[in-house]
């Protein structure tokens, strides 16, 4: 598609130096930017020393928030709004994935998507609708935003790990269960974990479990 916005944001080269053997793309949540998830990469570099991490800023500015970015605007919290937003944003993230793979000379089996909140919604939709299967998808505090749209778009079935705080008042933990049930009904392998006494954020146990999942799917 012509004239797609090009995503930019923080990136970390492999801790071991040299060319990357794996790629991890971190998709932040609504109102944040790429800096928001770089801390995850810092926590995982020891166990993924040959991975390059990319944390792009979402393509749109949040109205009235100069530093905030969004994958799509949220006004009505409706499935129709989410479906329209995902359809607009998905080609942009897809193109970024293609660029990262081409630059590194790697394939989808060496790439994982990690999302938080709206970034999880993006990661699930884009990751499952690509022609070639990713290594896996790790989603924090998210949901399947547009299940009817995703149902018809699924092309591959990578392993998925979902993690959610049990005190999340932005996206309730029940959204994780609903996402897992939907994805499992579509034949996907989904693992879930609930972090105790955690709101809309990522707890240390979630970081640790996420790192273990990434290490496993990359065969390390």
Protein backbone atom coordinates (compact mmCIF):
# COMPACT_ATOMS: atom_id res chain seq x y z
CA UNK A 1 0.00 0.00 0.00
CA UNK A 2 1.43 3.38 -0.96
CA UNK A 3 2.04 6.27 1.41
CA UNK A 4 1.93 4.26 4.61
CA UNK A 5 3.40 6.05 7.65
CA UNK A 6 6.82 4.66 8.52
CA UNK A 7 7.10 3.67 12.16
CA UNK A 8 10.06 4.86 14.17
CA UNK A 9 11.04 4.48 17.78
CA UNK A 10 13.60 3.13 20.25
CA UNK A 11 15.61 0.06 19.30
CA UNK A 12 18.22 -2.05 21.04
CA UNK A 13 20.79 -4.16 19.16
CA UNK A 14 21.71 -7.65 20.37
CA UNK A 15 23.48 -7.59 23.72
CA UNK A 16 26.00 -10.11 22.37
CA UNK A 17 26.86 -7.85 19.45
CA UNK A 18 26.83 -8.77 15.80
CA UNK A 19 23.84 -9.44 13.60
CA UNK A 20 20.56 -10.36 15.29
CA UNK A 21 19.38 -13.96 15.31
CA UNK A 22 15.94 -13.04 16.62
CA UNK A 23 13.70 -9.97 16.49
CA UNK A 24 11.25 -8.83 19.15
CA UNK A 25 8.84 -6.02 18.27
CA UNK A 26 7.17 -4.28 21.22
CA UNK A 27 3.80 -2.61 20.58
CA UNK A 28 2.87 -0.07 23.26
CA UNK A 29 -0.56 0.85 24.53
CA UNK A 30 -2.86 3.78 23.91
CA UNK A 31 -1.44 7.13 25.03
CA UNK A 32 2.12 5.90 25.48
CA UNK A 33 5.01 5.70 23.02
CA UNK A 34 7.86 3.39 22.15
CA UNK A 35 9.82 4.35 25.25
CA UNK A 36 7.14 2.80 27.42
CA UNK A 37 8.14 -0.80 26.71
CA UNK A 38 11.91 -0.49 26.29
CA UNK A 39 12.30 -1.51 29.92
CA UNK A 40 10.96 -4.94 29.00
CA UNK A 41 13.75 -5.34 26.48
CA UNK A 42 16.34 -4.35 29.07
CA UNK A 43 15.01 -7.08 31.34
CA UNK A 44 15.18 -9.74 28.62
CA UNK A 45 18.52 -9.01 26.97
CA UNK A 46 20.42 -11.41 29.23
CA UNK A 47 18.25 -14.37 28.26
CA UNK A 48 17.92 -13.24 24.63
CA UNK A 49 21.46 -11.99 23.96
CA UNK A 50 21.19 -12.34 20.19
CA UNK A 51 17.82 -10.62 19.84
CA UNK A 52 17.26 -7.14 18.47
CA UNK A 53 14.39 -5.22 20.08
CA UNK A 54 12.26 -2.63 18.31
CA UNK A 55 9.67 -0.49 20.10
CA UNK A 56 8.02 1.70 17.46
CA UNK A 57 5.83 4.68 18.20
CA UNK A 58 2.25 4.09 17.09
CA UNK A 59 1.37 6.02 13.91
CA UNK A 60 -1.08 8.58 15.32
CA UNK A 61 -0.82 11.30 17.95
CA UNK A 62 -3.41 11.22 20.70
CA UNK A 63 -5.45 14.44 20.40
CA UNK A 64 -4.47 16.86 23.14
CA UNK A 65 -1.51 14.75 24.27
CA UNK A 66 1.66 15.82 22.43
CA UNK A 67 3.72 12.88 23.69
CA UNK A 68 0.97 10.24 23.50
CA UNK A 69 0.53 7.94 20.52
CA UNK A 70 -2.28 5.63 19.44
CA UNK A 71 -2.68 2.76 17.00
CA UNK A 72 -6.21 4.03 16.48
CA UNK A 73 -8.48 6.58 18.13
CA UNK A 74 -10.66 5.44 21.02
CA UNK A 75 -13.86 7.39 21.49
CA UNK A 76 -16.76 4.95 21.67
CA UNK A 77 -15.05 1.73 22.81
CA UNK A 78 -17.19 -0.10 20.25
CA UNK A 79 -16.32 -3.22 18.22
CA UNK A 80 -16.99 -1.25 15.04
CA UNK A 81 -14.52 1.46 16.08
CA UNK A 82 -11.89 -1.16 16.94
CA UNK A 83 -12.39 -3.05 13.70
CA UNK A 84 -12.05 0.12 11.62
CA UNK A 85 -8.99 1.20 13.59
CA UNK A 86 -7.26 -2.15 13.29
CA UNK A 87 -7.91 -2.32 9.56
CA UNK A 88 -6.27 1.08 9.14
CA UNK A 89 -3.29 0.43 11.43
CA UNK A 90 -2.54 -3.20 10.55
CA UNK A 91 -0.85 -2.51 7.18
CA UNK A 92 1.44 -0.01 8.91
CA UNK A 93 2.66 -2.54 11.48
CA UNK A 94 2.84 -5.21 8.79
CA UNK A 95 5.15 -3.02 6.73
CA UNK A 96 7.34 -2.37 9.78
CA UNK A 97 7.63 -6.12 10.39
CA UNK A 98 8.61 -6.64 6.76
CA UNK A 99 11.25 -3.92 7.04
CA UNK A 100 12.76 -5.38 10.22
CA UNK A 101 12.93 -8.88 8.72
CA UNK A 102 14.45 -7.67 5.45
CA UNK A 103 17.09 -5.56 7.18
CA UNK A 104 18.12 -8.46 9.41
CA UNK A 105 17.87 -11.16 6.77
CA UNK A 106 15.56 -13.19 9.01
CA UNK A 107 12.17 -14.86 8.61
CA UNK A 108 8.97 -14.79 10.64
CA UNK A 109 10.02 -17.87 12.59
CA UNK A 110 12.71 -15.70 14.21
CA UNK A 111 10.31 -12.88 15.11
CA UNK A 112 7.97 -12.39 18.06
CA UNK A 113 5.41 -9.68 18.73
CA UNK A 114 4.90 -8.34 22.25
CA UNK A 115 2.02 -6.04 23.03
CA UNK A 116 0.56 -4.09 25.92
CA UNK A 117 -3.13 -3.10 26.01
CA UNK A 118 -3.99 -1.65 22.58
CA UNK A 119 -0.63 -2.97 21.40
CA UNK A 120 -1.74 -6.48 22.36
CA UNK A 121 -4.86 -6.05 20.25
CA UNK A 122 -2.65 -5.01 17.33
CA UNK A 123 -0.16 -7.83 17.89
CA UNK A 124 -2.85 -10.50 17.94
CA UNK A 125 -4.57 -9.26 14.81
CA UNK A 126 -1.46 -8.58 12.74
CA UNK A 127 0.48 -11.57 14.01
CA UNK A 128 -2.25 -14.07 13.21
CA UNK A 129 -3.13 -12.61 9.83
CA UNK A 130 0.35 -12.74 8.31
CA UNK A 131 0.95 -15.34 5.60
CA UNK A 132 3.97 -16.84 7.38
CA UNK A 133 3.85 -17.92 11.01
CA UNK A 134 5.65 -15.92 13.68
CA UNK A 135 7.61 -17.55 16.48
CA UNK A 136 4.95 -16.38 18.92
CA UNK A 137 2.86 -13.57 20.37
CA UNK A 138 3.08 -12.28 23.95
CA UNK A 139 0.25 -10.03 25.08
CA UNK A 140 -0.09 -8.04 28.30
CA UNK A 141 -3.31 -6.46 29.60
CA UNK A 142 -5.09 -6.72 26.26
CA UNK A 143 -7.97 -8.32 24.43
CA UNK A 144 -9.18 -9.46 21.04
CA UNK A 145 -10.60 -6.15 19.91
CA UNK A 146 -12.51 -7.26 16.81
CA UNK A 147 -13.14 -11.02 16.94
CA UNK A 148 -15.43 -11.13 13.91
CA UNK A 149 -12.78 -9.38 11.83
CA UNK A 150 -9.95 -11.53 13.18
CA UNK A 151 -11.87 -14.78 12.65
CA UNK A 152 -11.82 -14.27 8.92
CA UNK A 153 -8.23 -13.04 8.86
CA UNK A 154 -6.38 -15.83 10.71
CA UNK A 155 -3.81 -17.46 8.45
CA UNK A 156 -1.33 -18.95 10.94
CA UNK A 157 -1.42 -20.32 14.48
CA UNK A 158 1.70 -19.39 16.48
CA UNK A 159 1.86 -20.02 20.24
CA UNK A 160 0.35 -17.24 22.34
CA UNK A 161 0.97 -16.18 25.95
CA UNK A 162 -1.50 -13.76 27.56
CA UNK A 163 -0.80 -12.07 30.90
CA UNK A 164 -3.16 -9.81 32.83
CA UNK A 165 -3.46 -8.13 36.22
CA UNK A 166 -6.43 -9.19 38.33
CA UNK A 167 -7.13 -5.60 39.42
CA UNK A 168 -7.07 -4.01 35.96
CA UNK A 169 -9.77 -1.33 35.82
CA UNK A 170 -8.97 -0.30 32.25
CA UNK A 171 -9.31 -3.67 30.52
CA UNK A 172 -10.72 -6.20 33.00
CA UNK A 173 -9.00 -9.52 33.49
CA UNK A 174 -12.12 -11.18 32.09
CA UNK A 175 -10.99 -9.89 28.68
CA UNK A 176 -8.04 -12.27 28.85
CA UNK A 177 -10.36 -15.21 29.42
CA UNK A 178 -12.61 -14.13 26.59
CA UNK A 179 -9.60 -13.74 24.28
CA UNK A 180 -8.26 -17.16 25.21
CA UNK A 181 -11.62 -18.84 24.62
CA UNK A 182 -12.01 -17.18 21.25
CA UNK A 183 -8.47 -18.00 20.12
CA UNK A 184 -8.70 -21.58 21.34
CA UNK A 185 -11.97 -21.96 19.44
CA UNK A 186 -9.98 -21.03 16.34
CA UNK A 187 -7.44 -23.77 17.04
CA UNK A 188 -4.68 -21.71 18.63
CA UNK A 189 -2.42 -22.74 21.50
CA UNK A 190 -3.01 -20.11 24.21
CA UNK A 191 -1.52 -19.89 27.67
CA UNK A 192 -2.79 -17.45 30.28
CA UNK A 193 -1.40 -16.06 33.51
CA UNK A 194 -3.02 -13.75 36.05
CA UNK A 195 -0.77 -11.44 38.09
CA UNK A 196 -2.16 -10.95 41.59
CA UNK A 197 -2.92 -7.46 42.93
CA UNK A 198 -1.89 -5.77 39.68
CA UNK A 199 -3.84 -3.12 37.76
CA UNK A 200 -3.29 -2.01 34.18
CA UNK A 201 0.41 -2.72 34.10
CA UNK A 202 3.07 -5.42 34.00
CA UNK A 203 4.21 -7.09 37.23
CA UNK A 204 7.63 -8.66 37.81
CA UNK A 205 6.14 -12.14 37.51
CA UNK A 206 4.71 -11.13 34.15
CA UNK A 207 8.09 -9.91 32.95
CA UNK A 208 9.75 -13.13 34.05
CA UNK A 209 7.11 -15.36 32.50
CA UNK A 210 7.21 -13.33 29.29
CA UNK A 211 10.96 -13.79 29.04
CA UNK A 212 10.61 -17.52 29.58
CA UNK A 213 8.00 -17.69 26.83
CA UNK A 214 10.19 -15.82 24.37
CA UNK A 215 13.17 -18.00 25.19
CA UNK A 216 11.08 -21.12 24.64
CA UNK A 217 9.54 -20.11 21.32
CA UNK A 218 12.97 -19.16 19.97
CA UNK A 219 14.30 -22.57 21.02
CA UNK A 220 16.87 -21.18 23.45
